[in-house]
Amino acid sequence: MKDVKHTYHDCSIYGDKGYIGADVQLDLFETAHIRLECPYRLNQKDWKPTFIPFAKARKRIETIFSQLTDQFLVIRNYAKITNGLIFRIIGKISALTILQYVNFINNKPIGRIKYALN
């Protein structure tokens, strides 16, 4: 979060549940006027329903991260140098994007990349 408060200012950021703490939110707001939105857990006293477009965007992001990790094995890359790592990750993200596009032009849900070429 240190990089964020030095790069951005006067905006809203939608964060993970790990940033629920009031001290982190207060620090971001005081230093850079960044409003950090975090979804509360159901058992917390300040819980309120999440704004639907935020919830949909968050679900899409979490799904893509999960697909990159599980199906494209981004973690296991065996790169020897930084350029190799960058090119392998770009290749895997490109493959994911192509499969999503194939689903899009075939009027299928874009998140179901496992069956895109069937």
PDB file of N, CA and C in Angstrom:
ATOM      1  N   MET A   1       0.808  -1.197   0.000  1.00  0.00           N
ATOM      2  CA  MET A   1       0.000   0.000   0.000  1.00  0.00           C
ATOM      3  C   MET A   1       0.851   1.261   0.000  1.00  0.00           C
ATOM      4  N   LYS A   2       2.130   1.128   0.337  1.00  0.00           N
ATOM      5  CA  LYS A   2       2.997   2.314   0.328  1.00  0.00           C
ATOM      6  C   LYS A   2       3.153   2.862  -1.083  1.00  0.00           C
ATOM      7  N   ASP A   3       3.273   1.961  -2.073  1.00  0.00           N
ATOM      8  CA  ASP A   3       3.381   2.417  -3.454  1.00  0.00           C
ATOM      9  C   ASP A   3       2.115   3.116  -3.914  1.00  0.00           C
ATOM     10  N   VAL A   4       0.977   2.622  -3.484  1.00  0.00           N
ATOM     11  CA  VAL A   4      -0.304   3.180  -3.915  1.00  0.00           C
ATOM     12  C   VAL A   4      -0.460   4.604  -3.415  1.00  0.00           C
ATOM     13  N   LYS A   5      -0.130   4.851  -2.170  1.00  0.00           N
ATOM     14  CA  LYS A   5      -0.355   6.198  -1.633  1.00  0.00           C
ATOM     15  C   LYS A   5       0.628   7.224  -2.175  1.00  0.00           C
ATOM     16  N   HIS A   6       1.742   6.773  -2.770  1.00  0.00           N
ATOM     17  CA  HIS A   6       2.663   7.715  -3.384  1.00  0.00           C
ATOM     18  C   HIS A   6       2.368   7.914  -4.867  1.00  0.00           C
ATOM     19  N   THR A   7       1.641   6.990  -5.476  1.00  0.00           N
ATOM     20  CA  THR A   7       1.349   7.065  -6.900  1.00  0.00           C
ATOM     21  C   THR A   7      -0.005   7.702  -7.189  1.00  0.00           C
ATOM     22  N   TYR A   8      -1.017   7.346  -6.397  1.00  0.00           N
ATOM     23  CA  TYR A   8      -2.385   7.815  -6.643  1.00  0.00           C
ATOM     24  C   TYR A   8      -2.831   8.774  -5.550  1.00  0.00           C
ATOM     25  N   HIS A   9      -3.838   9.583  -5.866  1.00  0.00           N
ATOM     26  CA  HIS A   9      -4.425  10.463  -4.866  1.00  0.00           C
ATOM     27  C   HIS A   9      -5.835  10.834  -5.304  1.00  0.00           C
ATOM     28  N   ASP A  10      -6.667  11.201  -4.359  1.00  0.00           N
ATOM     29  CA  ASP A  10      -8.049  11.631  -4.585  1.00  0.00           C
ATOM     30  C   ASP A  10      -8.835  10.616  -5.419  1.00  0.00           C
ATOM     31  N   CYS A  11      -8.858   9.360  -4.972  1.00  0.00           N
ATOM     32  CA  CYS A  11      -9.595   8.333  -5.709  1.00  0.00           C
ATOM     33  C   CYS A  11     -10.151   7.301  -4.721  1.00  0.00           C
ATOM     34  N   SER A  12     -10.902   6.361  -5.261  1.00  0.00           N
ATOM     35  CA  SER A  12     -11.419   5.246  -4.478  1.00  0.00           C
ATOM     36  C   SER A  12     -10.791   3.960  -4.985  1.00  0.00           C
ATOM     37  N   ILE A  13     -10.419   3.089  -4.059  1.00  0.00           N
ATOM     38  CA  ILE A  13      -9.823   1.800  -4.391  1.00  0.00           C
ATOM     39  C   ILE A  13     -10.648   0.729  -3.702  1.00  0.00           C
ATOM     40  N   TYR A  14     -10.932  -0.338  -4.426  1.00  0.00           N
ATOM     41  CA  TYR A  14     -11.666  -1.460  -3.862  1.00  0.00           C
ATOM     42  C   TYR A  14     -10.659  -2.518  -3.450  1.00  0.00           C
ATOM     43  N   GLY A  15     -10.542  -2.767  -2.149  1.00  0.00           N
ATOM     44  CA  GLY A  15      -9.498  -3.638  -1.633  1.00  0.00           C
ATOM     45  C   GLY A  15      -9.988  -4.997  -1.200  1.00  0.00           C
ATOM     46  N   ASP A  16      -9.047  -5.814  -0.852  1.00  0.00           N
ATOM     47  CA  ASP A  16      -9.300  -7.166  -0.385  1.00  0.00           C
ATOM     48  C   ASP A  16      -9.717  -7.134   1.084  1.00  0.00           C
ATOM     49  N   LYS A  17     -10.215  -8.264   1.573  1.00  0.00           N
ATOM     50  CA  LYS A  17     -10.629  -8.352   2.974  1.00  0.00           C
ATOM     51  C   LYS A  17      -9.449  -8.207   3.932  1.00  0.00           C
ATOM     52  N   GLY A  18      -8.244  -8.349   3.431  1.00  0.00           N
ATOM     53  CA  GLY A  18      -7.064  -8.189   4.263  1.00  0.00           C
ATOM     54  C   GLY A  18      -6.798  -6.742   4.660  1.00  0.00           C
ATOM     55  N   TYR A  19      -7.466  -5.799   4.010  1.00  0.00           N
ATOM     56  CA  TYR A  19      -7.256  -4.377   4.292  1.00  0.00           C
ATOM     57  C   TYR A  19      -8.423  -3.756   5.042  1.00  0.00           C
ATOM     58  N   ILE A  20      -9.179  -4.566   5.772  1.00  0.00           N
ATOM     59  CA  ILE A  20     -10.348  -4.066   6.490  1.00  0.00           C
ATOM     60  C   ILE A  20      -9.954  -3.123   7.621  1.00  0.00           C
ATOM     61  N   GLY A  21      -8.789  -3.294   8.179  1.00  0.00           N
ATOM     62  CA  GLY A  21      -8.376  -2.518   9.343  1.00  0.00           C
ATOM     63  C   GLY A  21      -8.533  -1.017   9.170  1.00  0.00           C
ATOM     64  N   ALA A  22      -9.101  -0.369  10.174  1.00  0.00           N
ATOM     65  CA  ALA A  22      -9.360   1.069  10.120  1.00  0.00           C
ATOM     66  C   ALA A  22      -8.067   1.871  10.046  1.00  0.00           C
ATOM     67  N   ASP A  23      -6.980   1.363  10.631  1.00  0.00           N
ATOM     68  CA  ASP A  23      -5.727   2.112  10.611  1.00  0.00           C
ATOM     69  C   ASP A  23      -5.155   2.230   9.196  1.00  0.00           C
ATOM     70  N   VAL A  24      -5.269   1.171   8.389  1.00  0.00           N
ATOM     71  CA  VAL A  24      -4.793   1.214   7.002  1.00  0.00           C
ATOM     72  C   VAL A  24      -5.639   2.190   6.194  1.00  0.00           C
ATOM     73  N   GLN A  25      -6.954   2.109   6.364  1.00  0.00           N
ATOM     74  CA  GLN A  25      -7.857   2.990   5.626  1.00  0.00           C
ATOM     75  C   GLN A  25      -7.637   4.448   6.008  1.00  0.00           C
ATOM     76  N   LEU A  26      -7.454   4.701   7.288  1.00  0.00           N
ATOM     77  CA  LEU A  26      -7.238   6.066   7.762  1.00  0.00           C
ATOM     78  C   LEU A  26      -5.913   6.627   7.245  1.00  0.00           C
ATOM     79  N   ASP A  27      -4.880   5.808   7.251  1.00  0.00           N
ATOM     80  CA  ASP A  27      -3.572   6.245   6.754  1.00  0.00           C
ATOM     81  C   ASP A  27      -3.647   6.622   5.275  1.00  0.00           C
ATOM     82  N   LEU A  28      -4.311   5.794   4.467  1.00  0.00           N
ATOM     83  CA  LEU A  28      -4.440   6.110   3.044  1.00  0.00           C
ATOM     84  C   LEU A  28      -5.236   7.396   2.822  1.00  0.00           C
ATOM     85  N   PHE A  29      -6.283   7.581   3.610  1.00  0.00           N
ATOM     86  CA  PHE A  29      -7.102   8.765   3.417  1.00  0.00           C
ATOM     87  C   PHE A  29      -6.366  10.030   3.855  1.00  0.00           C
ATOM     88  N   GLU A  30      -5.637   9.953   4.975  1.00  0.00           N
ATOM     89  CA  GLU A  30      -4.942  11.138   5.474  1.00  0.00           C
ATOM     90  C   GLU A  30      -3.763  11.543   4.588  1.00  0.00           C
ATOM     91  N   THR A  31      -3.044  10.579   4.033  1.00  0.00           N
ATOM     92  CA  THR A  31      -1.855  10.923   3.255  1.00  0.00           C
ATOM     93  C   THR A  31      -2.159  11.251   1.800  1.00  0.00           C
ATOM     94  N   ALA A  32      -3.140  10.559   1.187  1.00  0.00           N
ATOM     95  CA  ALA A  32      -3.365  10.753  -0.256  1.00  0.00           C
ATOM     96  C   ALA A  32      -4.830  10.931  -0.630  1.00  0.00           C
ATOM     97  N   HIS A  33      -5.710  11.063   0.334  1.00  0.00           N
ATOM     98  CA  HIS A  33      -7.159  11.192   0.091  1.00  0.00           C
ATOM     99  C   HIS A  33      -7.681  10.028  -0.746  1.00  0.00           C
ATOM    100  N   ILE A  34      -7.212   8.829  -0.425  1.00  0.00           N
ATOM    101  CA  ILE A  34      -7.667   7.614  -1.094  1.00  0.00           C
ATOM    102  C   ILE A  34      -8.702   6.948  -0.201  1.00  0.00           C
ATOM    103  N   ARG A  35      -9.873   6.704  -0.756  1.00  0.00           N
ATOM    104  CA  ARG A  35     -10.937   6.033  -0.017  1.00  0.00           C
ATOM    105  C   ARG A  35     -10.845   4.548  -0.339  1.00  0.00           C
ATOM    106  N   LEU A  36     -10.510   3.745   0.660  1.00  0.00           N
ATOM    107  CA  LEU A  36     -10.340   2.312   0.487  1.00  0.00           C
ATOM    108  C   LEU A  36     -11.633   1.601   0.852  1.00  0.00           C
ATOM    109  N   GLU A  37     -12.259   0.974  -0.135  1.00  0.00           N
ATOM    110  CA  GLU A  37     -13.489   0.214   0.074  1.00  0.00           C
ATOM    111  C   GLU A  37     -13.126  -1.249   0.266  1.00  0.00           C
ATOM    112  N   CYS A  38     -13.559  -1.841   1.366  1.00  0.00           N
ATOM    113  CA  CYS A  38     -13.298  -3.249   1.640  1.00  0.00           C
ATOM    114  C   CYS A  38     -14.608  -3.938   1.995  1.00  0.00           C
ATOM    115  N   PRO A  39     -14.850  -5.121   1.441  1.00  0.00           N
ATOM    116  CA  PRO A  39     -16.064  -5.843   1.822  1.00  0.00           C
ATOM    117  C   PRO A  39     -15.916  -6.411   3.237  1.00  0.00           C
ATOM    118  N   TYR A  40     -16.897  -6.135   4.061  1.00  0.00           N
ATOM    119  CA  TYR A  40     -16.870  -6.667   5.418  1.00  0.00           C
ATOM    120  C   TYR A  40     -17.361  -8.104   5.430  1.00  0.00           C
ATOM    121  N   ARG A  41     -16.931  -8.848   6.412  1.00  0.00           N
ATOM    122  CA  ARG A  41     -17.409 -10.214   6.581  1.00  0.00           C
ATOM    123  C   ARG A  41     -18.797 -10.186   7.210  1.00  0.00           C
ATOM    124  N   LEU A  42     -19.547 -11.242   6.983  1.00  0.00           N
ATOM    125  CA  LEU A  42     -20.931 -11.287   7.454  1.00  0.00           C
ATOM    126  C   LEU A  42     -21.065 -11.154   8.969  1.00  0.00           C
ATOM    127  N   ASN A  43     -20.070 -11.609   9.715  1.00  0.00           N
ATOM    128  CA  ASN A  43     -20.182 -11.590  11.172  1.00  0.00           C
ATOM    129  C   ASN A  43     -19.641 -10.306  11.796  1.00  0.00           C
ATOM    130  N   GLN A  44     -19.290  -9.302  10.995  1.00  0.00           N
ATOM    131  CA  GLN A  44     -18.796  -8.049  11.542  1.00  0.00           C
ATOM    132  C   GLN A  44     -19.950  -7.081  11.741  1.00  0.00           C
ATOM    133  N   LYS A  45     -19.798  -6.213  12.729  1.00  0.00           N
ATOM    134  CA  LYS A  45     -20.911  -5.333  13.093  1.00  0.00           C
ATOM    135  C   LYS A  45     -21.181  -4.247  12.051  1.00  0.00           C
ATOM    136  N   ASP A  46     -20.187  -3.846  11.266  1.00  0.00           N
ATOM    137  CA  ASP A  46     -20.382  -2.815  10.256  1.00  0.00           C
ATOM    138  C   ASP A  46     -20.751  -3.379   8.886  1.00  0.00           C
ATOM    139  N   TRP A  47     -21.166  -4.662   8.830  1.00  0.00           N
ATOM    140  CA  TRP A  47     -21.442  -5.302   7.553  1.00  0.00           C
ATOM    141  C   TRP A  47     -22.598  -4.618   6.850  1.00  0.00           C
ATOM    142  N   LYS A  48     -22.435  -4.442   5.556  1.00  0.00           N
ATOM    143  CA  LYS A  48     -23.509  -3.965   4.700  1.00  0.00           C
ATOM    144  C   LYS A  48     -23.350  -4.667   3.353  1.00  0.00           C
ATOM    145  N   PRO A  49     -24.425  -4.805   2.609  1.00  0.00           N
ATOM    146  CA  PRO A  49     -24.317  -5.505   1.318  1.00  0.00           C
ATOM    147  C   PRO A  49     -23.343  -4.794   0.387  1.00  0.00           C
ATOM    148  N   THR A  50     -22.618  -5.572  -0.389  1.00  0.00           N
ATOM    149  CA  THR A  50     -21.640  -5.026  -1.320  1.00  0.00           C
ATOM    150  C   THR A  50     -22.351  -4.481  -2.552  1.00  0.00           C
ATOM    151  N   PHE A  51     -21.859  -3.363  -3.068  1.00  0.00           N
ATOM    152  CA  PHE A  51     -22.387  -2.762  -4.291  1.00  0.00           C
ATOM    153  C   PHE A  51     -22.233  -3.786  -5.414  1.00  0.00           C
ATOM    154  N   ILE A  52     -23.320  -4.114  -6.106  1.00  0.00           N
ATOM    155  CA  ILE A  52     -23.363  -5.218  -7.067  1.00  0.00           C
ATOM    156  C   ILE A  52     -22.296  -5.111  -8.169  1.00  0.00           C
ATOM    157  N   PRO A  53     -22.104  -3.954  -8.827  1.00  0.00           N
ATOM    158  CA  PRO A  53     -21.036  -3.912  -9.844  1.00  0.00           C
ATOM    159  C   PRO A  53     -19.648  -4.200  -9.273  1.00  0.00           C
ATOM    160  N   PHE A  54     -19.371  -3.762  -8.038  1.00  0.00           N
ATOM    161  CA  PHE A  54     -18.089  -4.082  -7.409  1.00  0.00           C
ATOM    162  C   PHE A  54     -17.966  -5.581  -7.167  1.00  0.00           C
ATOM    163  N   ALA A  55     -19.053  -6.194  -6.715  1.00  0.00           N
ATOM    164  CA  ALA A  55     -19.032  -7.626  -6.433  1.00  0.00           C
ATOM    165  C   ALA A  55     -18.791  -8.429  -7.715  1.00  0.00           C
ATOM    166  N   LYS A  56     -19.413  -8.025  -8.818  1.00  0.00           N
ATOM    167  CA  LYS A  56     -19.222  -8.732 -10.088  1.00  0.00           C
ATOM    168  C   LYS A  56     -17.796  -8.568 -10.607  1.00  0.00           C
ATOM    169  N   ALA A  57     -17.265  -7.354 -10.507  1.00  0.00           N
ATOM    170  CA  ALA A  57     -15.894  -7.119 -10.963  1.00  0.00           C
ATOM    171  C   ALA A  57     -14.907  -7.908 -10.111  1.00  0.00           C
ATOM    172  N   ARG A  58     -15.134  -7.926  -8.803  1.00  0.00           N
ATOM    173  CA  ARG A  58     -14.254  -8.662  -7.906  1.00  0.00           C
ATOM    174  C   ARG A  58     -14.301 -10.158  -8.198  1.00  0.00           C
ATOM    175  N   LYS A  59     -15.488 -10.677  -8.468  1.00  0.00           N
ATOM    176  CA  LYS A  59     -15.616 -12.100  -8.776  1.00  0.00           C
ATOM    177  C   LYS A  59     -14.874 -12.430 -10.067  1.00  0.00           C
ATOM    178  N   ARG A  60     -14.972 -11.554 -11.070  1.00  0.00           N
ATOM    179  CA  ARG A  60     -14.269 -11.786 -12.334  1.00  0.00           C
ATOM    180  C   ARG A  60     -12.758 -11.797 -12.106  1.00  0.00           C
ATOM    181  N   ILE A  61     -12.247 -10.857 -11.327  1.00  0.00           N
ATOM    182  CA  ILE A  61     -10.809 -10.783 -11.055  1.00  0.00           C
ATOM    183  C   ILE A  61     -10.336 -12.024 -10.304  1.00  0.00           C
ATOM    184  N   GLU A  62     -11.072 -12.432  -9.283  1.00  0.00           N
ATOM    185  CA  GLU A  62     -10.691 -13.622  -8.521  1.00  0.00           C
ATOM    186  C   GLU A  62     -10.724 -14.874  -9.395  1.00  0.00           C
ATOM    187  N   THR A  63     -11.698 -14.965 -10.307  1.00  0.00           N
ATOM    188  CA  THR A  63     -11.784 -16.111 -11.212  1.00  0.00           C
ATOM    189  C   THR A  63     -10.586 -16.152 -12.146  1.00  0.00           C
ATOM    190  N   ILE A  64     -10.202 -15.008 -12.686  1.00  0.00           N
ATOM    191  CA  ILE A  64      -9.052 -14.969 -13.594  1.00  0.00           C
ATOM    192  C   ILE A  64      -7.765 -15.333 -12.865  1.00  0.00           C
ATOM    193  N   PHE A  65      -7.573 -14.805 -11.655  1.00  0.00           N
ATOM    194  CA  PHE A  65      -6.387 -15.177 -10.881  1.00  0.00           C
ATOM    195  C   PHE A  65      -6.363 -16.678 -10.612  1.00  0.00           C
ATOM    196  N   SER A  66      -7.513 -17.243 -10.276  1.00  0.00           N
ATOM    197  CA  SER A  66      -7.593 -18.668 -10.004  1.00  0.00           C
ATOM    198  C   SER A  66      -7.274 -19.482 -11.251  1.00  0.00           C
ATOM    199  N   GLN A  67      -7.810 -19.064 -12.407  1.00  0.00           N
ATOM    200  CA  GLN A  67      -7.532 -19.782 -13.646  1.00  0.00           C
ATOM    201  C   GLN A  67      -6.056 -19.695 -14.021  1.00  0.00           C
ATOM    202  N   LEU A  68      -5.459 -18.530 -13.855  1.00  0.00           N
ATOM    203  CA  LEU A  68      -4.038 -18.397 -14.165  1.00  0.00           C
ATOM    204  C   LEU A  68      -3.194 -19.271 -13.252  1.00  0.00           C
ATOM    205  N   THR A  69      -3.592 -19.368 -12.012  1.00  0.00           N
ATOM    206  CA  THR A  69      -2.826 -20.163 -11.055  1.00  0.00           C
ATOM    207  C   THR A  69      -3.020 -21.664 -11.274  1.00  0.00           C
ATOM    208  N   ASP A  70      -4.271 -22.099 -11.423  1.00  0.00           N
ATOM    209  CA  ASP A  70      -4.569 -23.533 -11.480  1.00  0.00           C
ATOM    210  C   ASP A  70      -4.413 -24.131 -12.879  1.00  0.00           C
ATOM    211  N   GLN A  71      -4.988 -23.502 -13.884  1.00  0.00           N
ATOM    212  CA  GLN A  71      -5.009 -24.095 -15.212  1.00  0.00           C
ATOM    213  C   GLN A  71      -3.782 -23.738 -16.043  1.00  0.00           C
ATOM    214  N   PHE A  72      -3.237 -22.533 -15.855  1.00  0.00           N
ATOM    215  CA  PHE A  72      -2.090 -22.119 -16.638  1.00  0.00           C
ATOM    216  C   PHE A  72      -0.785 -22.217 -15.859  1.00  0.00           C
ATOM    217  N   LEU A  73      -0.846 -22.627 -14.609  1.00  0.00           N
ATOM    218  CA  LEU A  73       0.329 -22.858 -13.767  1.00  0.00           C
ATOM    219  C   LEU A  73       1.327 -21.700 -13.807  1.00  0.00           C
ATOM    220  N   VAL A  74       0.829 -20.491 -13.539  1.00  0.00           N
ATOM    221  CA  VAL A  74       1.689 -19.307 -13.555  1.00  0.00           C
ATOM    222  C   VAL A  74       2.769 -19.405 -12.485  1.00  0.00           C
ATOM    223  N   ILE A  75       2.450 -20.022 -11.374  1.00  0.00           N
ATOM    224  CA  ILE A  75       3.423 -20.145 -10.284  1.00  0.00           C
ATOM    225  C   ILE A  75       4.622 -20.991 -10.722  1.00  0.00           C
ATOM    226  N   ARG A  76       4.359 -22.063 -11.457  1.00  0.00           N
ATOM    227  CA  ARG A  76       5.418 -22.970 -11.894  1.00  0.00           C
ATOM    228  C   ARG A  76       5.860 -22.551 -13.291  1.00  0.00           C
ATOM    229  N   ASN A  77       6.931 -21.812 -13.382  1.00  0.00           N
ATOM    230  CA  ASN A  77       7.328 -21.299 -14.694  1.00  0.00           C
ATOM    231  C   ASN A  77       8.759 -21.663 -15.092  1.00  0.00           C
ATOM    232  N   TYR A  78       9.598 -22.020 -14.168  1.00  0.00           N
ATOM    233  CA  TYR A  78      10.973 -22.457 -14.418  1.00  0.00           C
ATOM    234  C   TYR A  78      11.807 -21.442 -15.203  1.00  0.00           C
ATOM    235  N   ALA A  79      11.543 -20.185 -15.038  1.00  0.00           N
ATOM    236  CA  ALA A  79      12.308 -19.149 -15.728  1.00  0.00           C
ATOM    237  C   ALA A  79      13.670 -18.972 -15.044  1.00  0.00           C
ATOM    238  N   LYS A  80      14.674 -18.751 -15.857  1.00  0.00           N
ATOM    239  CA  LYS A  80      16.021 -18.566 -15.332  1.00  0.00           C
ATOM    240  C   LYS A  80      16.369 -17.090 -15.147  1.00  0.00           C
ATOM    241  N   ILE A  81      15.848 -16.242 -16.013  1.00  0.00           N
ATOM    242  CA  ILE A  81      16.131 -14.814 -15.928  1.00  0.00           C
ATOM    243  C   ILE A  81      14.812 -14.032 -15.934  1.00  0.00           C
ATOM    244  N   THR A  82      14.891 -12.761 -15.615  1.00  0.00           N
ATOM    245  CA  THR A  82      13.691 -11.925 -15.494  1.00  0.00           C
ATOM    246  C   THR A  82      12.950 -11.820 -16.821  1.00  0.00           C
ATOM    247  N   ASN A  83      13.677 -11.657 -17.927  1.00  0.00           N
ATOM    248  CA  ASN A  83      13.017 -11.571 -19.226  1.00  0.00           C
ATOM    249  C   ASN A  83      12.251 -12.848 -19.552  1.00  0.00           C
ATOM    250  N   GLY A  84      12.809 -13.983 -19.215  1.00  0.00           N
ATOM    251  CA  GLY A  84      12.119 -15.255 -19.426  1.00  0.00           C
ATOM    252  C   GLY A  84      10.839 -15.333 -18.626  1.00  0.00           C
ATOM    253  N   LEU A  85      10.886 -14.875 -17.381  1.00  0.00           N
ATOM    254  CA  LEU A  85       9.694 -14.866 -16.537  1.00  0.00           C
ATOM    255  C   LEU A  85       8.624 -13.958 -17.129  1.00  0.00           C
ATOM    256  N   ILE A  86       9.036 -12.771 -17.554  1.00  0.00           N
ATOM    257  CA  ILE A  86       8.079 -11.808 -18.120  1.00  0.00           C
ATOM    258  C   ILE A  86       7.426 -12.385 -19.369  1.00  0.00           C
ATOM    259  N   PHE A  87       8.215 -12.969 -20.272  1.00  0.00           N
ATOM    260  CA  PHE A  87       7.654 -13.508 -21.508  1.00  0.00           C
ATOM    261  C   PHE A  87       6.751 -14.705 -21.254  1.00  0.00           C
ATOM    262  N   ARG A  88       7.077 -15.531 -20.289  1.00  0.00           N
ATOM    263  CA  ARG A  88       6.207 -16.668 -19.975  1.00  0.00           C
ATOM    264  C   ARG A  88       4.879 -16.214 -19.394  1.00  0.00           C
ATOM    265  N   ILE A  89       4.920 -15.222 -18.521  1.00  0.00           N
ATOM    266  CA  ILE A  89       3.674 -14.709 -17.941  1.00  0.00           C
ATOM    267  C   ILE A  89       2.836 -14.014 -19.011  1.00  0.00           C
ATOM    268  N   ILE A  90       3.471 -13.233 -19.878  1.00  0.00           N
ATOM    269  CA  ILE A  90       2.740 -12.581 -20.972  1.00  0.00           C
ATOM    270  C   ILE A  90       2.105 -13.632 -21.888  1.00  0.00           C
ATOM    271  N   GLY A  91       2.822 -14.699 -22.166  1.00  0.00           N
ATOM    272  CA  GLY A  91       2.272 -15.773 -22.998  1.00  0.00           C
ATOM    273  C   GLY A  91       1.060 -16.431 -22.372  1.00  0.00           C
ATOM    274  N   LYS A  92       1.113 -16.652 -21.070  1.00  0.00           N
ATOM    275  CA  LYS A  92      -0.021 -17.289 -20.385  1.00  0.00           C
ATOM    276  C   LYS A  92      -1.221 -16.354 -20.304  1.00  0.00           C
ATOM    277  N   ILE A  93      -0.983 -15.078 -20.073  1.00  0.00           N
ATOM    278  CA  ILE A  93      -2.088 -14.116 -20.047  1.00  0.00           C
ATOM    279  C   ILE A  93      -2.683 -13.974 -21.448  1.00  0.00           C
ATOM    280  N   SER A  94      -1.833 -14.009 -22.483  1.00  0.00           N
ATOM    281  CA  SER A  94      -2.321 -13.933 -23.857  1.00  0.00           C
ATOM    282  C   SER A  94      -3.181 -15.153 -24.196  1.00  0.00           C
ATOM    283  N   ALA A  95      -2.755 -16.329 -23.774  1.00  0.00           N
ATOM    284  CA  ALA A  95      -3.547 -17.537 -24.017  1.00  0.00           C
ATOM    285  C   ALA A  95      -4.904 -17.446 -23.331  1.00  0.00           C
ATOM    286  N   LEU A  96      -4.920 -16.947 -22.112  1.00  0.00           N
ATOM    287  CA  LEU A  96      -6.182 -16.766 -21.395  1.00  0.00           C
ATOM    288  C   LEU A  96      -7.087 -15.793 -22.135  1.00  0.00           C
ATOM    289  N   THR A  97      -6.528 -14.698 -22.613  1.00  0.00           N
ATOM    290  CA  THR A  97      -7.303 -13.691 -23.328  1.00  0.00           C
ATOM    291  C   THR A  97      -7.871 -14.248 -24.631  1.00  0.00           C
ATOM    292  N   ILE A  98      -7.090 -15.021 -25.365  1.00  0.00           N
ATOM    293  CA  ILE A  98      -7.568 -15.629 -26.607  1.00  0.00           C
ATOM    294  C   ILE A  98      -8.711 -16.598 -26.342  1.00  0.00           C
ATOM    295  N   LEU A  99      -8.596 -17.413 -25.301  1.00  0.00           N
ATOM    296  CA  LEU A  99      -9.672 -18.346 -24.977  1.00  0.00           C
ATOM    297  C   LEU A  99     -10.946 -17.605 -24.560  1.00  0.00           C
ATOM    298  N   GLN A 100     -10.786 -16.499 -23.839  1.00  0.00           N
ATOM    299  CA  GLN A 100     -11.961 -15.699 -23.488  1.00  0.00           C
ATOM    300  C   GLN A 100     -12.599 -15.115 -24.740  1.00  0.00           C
ATOM    301  N   TYR A 101     -11.786 -14.677 -25.684  1.00  0.00           N
ATOM    302  CA  TYR A 101     -12.325 -14.113 -26.917  1.00  0.00           C
ATOM    303  C   TYR A 101     -13.037 -15.184 -27.741  1.00  0.00           C
ATOM    304  N   VAL A 102     -12.482 -16.390 -27.800  1.00  0.00           N
ATOM    305  CA  VAL A 102     -13.144 -17.492 -28.509  1.00  0.00           C
ATOM    306  C   VAL A 102     -14.519 -17.750 -27.903  1.00  0.00           C
ATOM    307  N   ASN A 103     -14.606 -17.744 -26.587  1.00  0.00           N
ATOM    308  CA  ASN A 103     -15.906 -17.917 -25.939  1.00  0.00           C
ATOM    309  C   ASN A 103     -16.840 -16.762 -26.264  1.00  0.00           C
ATOM    310  N   PHE A 104     -16.306 -15.551 -26.303  1.00  0.00           N
ATOM    311  CA  PHE A 104     -17.124 -14.370 -26.581  1.00  0.00           C
ATOM    312  C   PHE A 104     -17.731 -14.434 -27.978  1.00  0.00           C
ATOM    313  N   ILE A 105     -16.927 -14.779 -28.994  1.00  0.00           N
ATOM    314  CA  ILE A 105     -17.463 -14.807 -30.355  1.00  0.00           C
ATOM    315  C   ILE A 105     -18.385 -15.996 -30.587  1.00  0.00           C
ATOM    316  N   ASN A 106     -18.299 -17.017 -29.747  1.00  0.00           N
ATOM    317  CA  ASN A 106     -19.197 -18.171 -29.849  1.00  0.00           C
ATOM    318  C   ASN A 106     -20.393 -18.065 -28.911  1.00  0.00           C
ATOM    319  N   ASN A 107     -20.598 -16.898 -28.311  1.00  0.00           N
ATOM    320  CA  ASN A 107     -21.718 -16.632 -27.396  1.00  0.00           C
ATOM    321  C   ASN A 107     -21.768 -17.608 -26.225  1.00  0.00           C
ATOM    322  N   LYS A 108     -20.602 -17.909 -25.682  1.00  0.00           N
ATOM    323  CA  LYS A 108     -20.492 -18.746 -24.487  1.00  0.00           C
ATOM    324  C   LYS A 108     -20.012 -17.873 -23.347  1.00  0.00           C
ATOM    325  N   PRO A 109     -20.205 -18.295 -22.092  1.00  0.00           N
ATOM    326  CA  PRO A 109     -19.666 -17.507 -20.968  1.00  0.00           C
ATOM    327  C   PRO A 109     -18.144 -17.407 -21.067  1.00  0.00           C
ATOM    328  N   ILE A 110     -17.616 -16.187 -20.980  1.00  0.00           N
ATOM    329  CA  ILE A 110     -16.175 -16.016 -21.220  1.00  0.00           C
ATOM    330  C   ILE A 110     -15.316 -16.608 -20.117  1.00  0.00           C
ATOM    331  N   GLY A 111     -15.887 -16.843 -18.958  1.00  0.00           N
ATOM    332  CA  GLY A 111     -15.104 -17.385 -17.861  1.00  0.00           C
ATOM    333  C   GLY A 111     -14.835 -18.871 -17.958  1.00  0.00           C
ATOM    334  N   ARG A 112     -15.537 -19.566 -18.833  1.00  0.00           N
ATOM    335  CA  ARG A 112     -15.364 -21.019 -18.951  1.00  0.00           C
ATOM    336  C   ARG A 112     -14.325 -21.352 -20.023  1.00  0.00           C
ATOM    337  N   ILE A 113     -13.091 -21.055 -19.711  1.00  0.00           N
ATOM    338  CA  ILE A 113     -12.031 -21.208 -20.694  1.00  0.00           C
ATOM    339  C   ILE A 113     -11.598 -22.653 -20.878  1.00  0.00           C
ATOM    340  N   LYS A 114     -11.903 -23.516 -19.935  1.00  0.00           N
ATOM    341  CA  LYS A 114     -11.485 -24.899 -20.019  1.00  0.00           C
ATOM    342  C   LYS A 114     -12.121 -25.599 -21.207  1.00  0.00           C
ATOM    343  N   TYR A 115     -13.321 -25.179 -21.565  1.00  0.00           N
ATOM    344  CA  TYR A 115     -14.058 -25.833 -22.646  1.00  0.00           C
ATOM    345  C   TYR A 115     -14.217 -24.911 -23.850  1.00  0.00           C
ATOM    346  N   ALA A 116     -13.358 -23.927 -24.003  1.00  0.00           N
ATOM    347  CA  ALA A 116     -13.501 -22.939 -25.075  1.00  0.00           C
ATOM    348  C   ALA A 116     -13.317 -23.555 -26.468  1.00  0.00           C
ATOM    349  N   LEU A 117     -12.450 -24.504 -26.593  1.00  0.00           N
ATOM    350  CA  LEU A 117     -12.143 -25.065 -27.910  1.00  0.00           C
ATOM    351  C   LEU A 117     -12.943 -26.318 -28.232  1.00  0.00           C
ATOM    352  N   ASN A 118     -13.879 -26.693 -27.396  1.00  0.00           N
ATOM    353  CA  ASN A 118     -14.727 -27.885 -27.668  1.00  0.00           C
ATOM    354  C   ASN A 118     -15.842 -27.529 -28.602  1.00  0.00           C
TER     355      ASN A 118
END
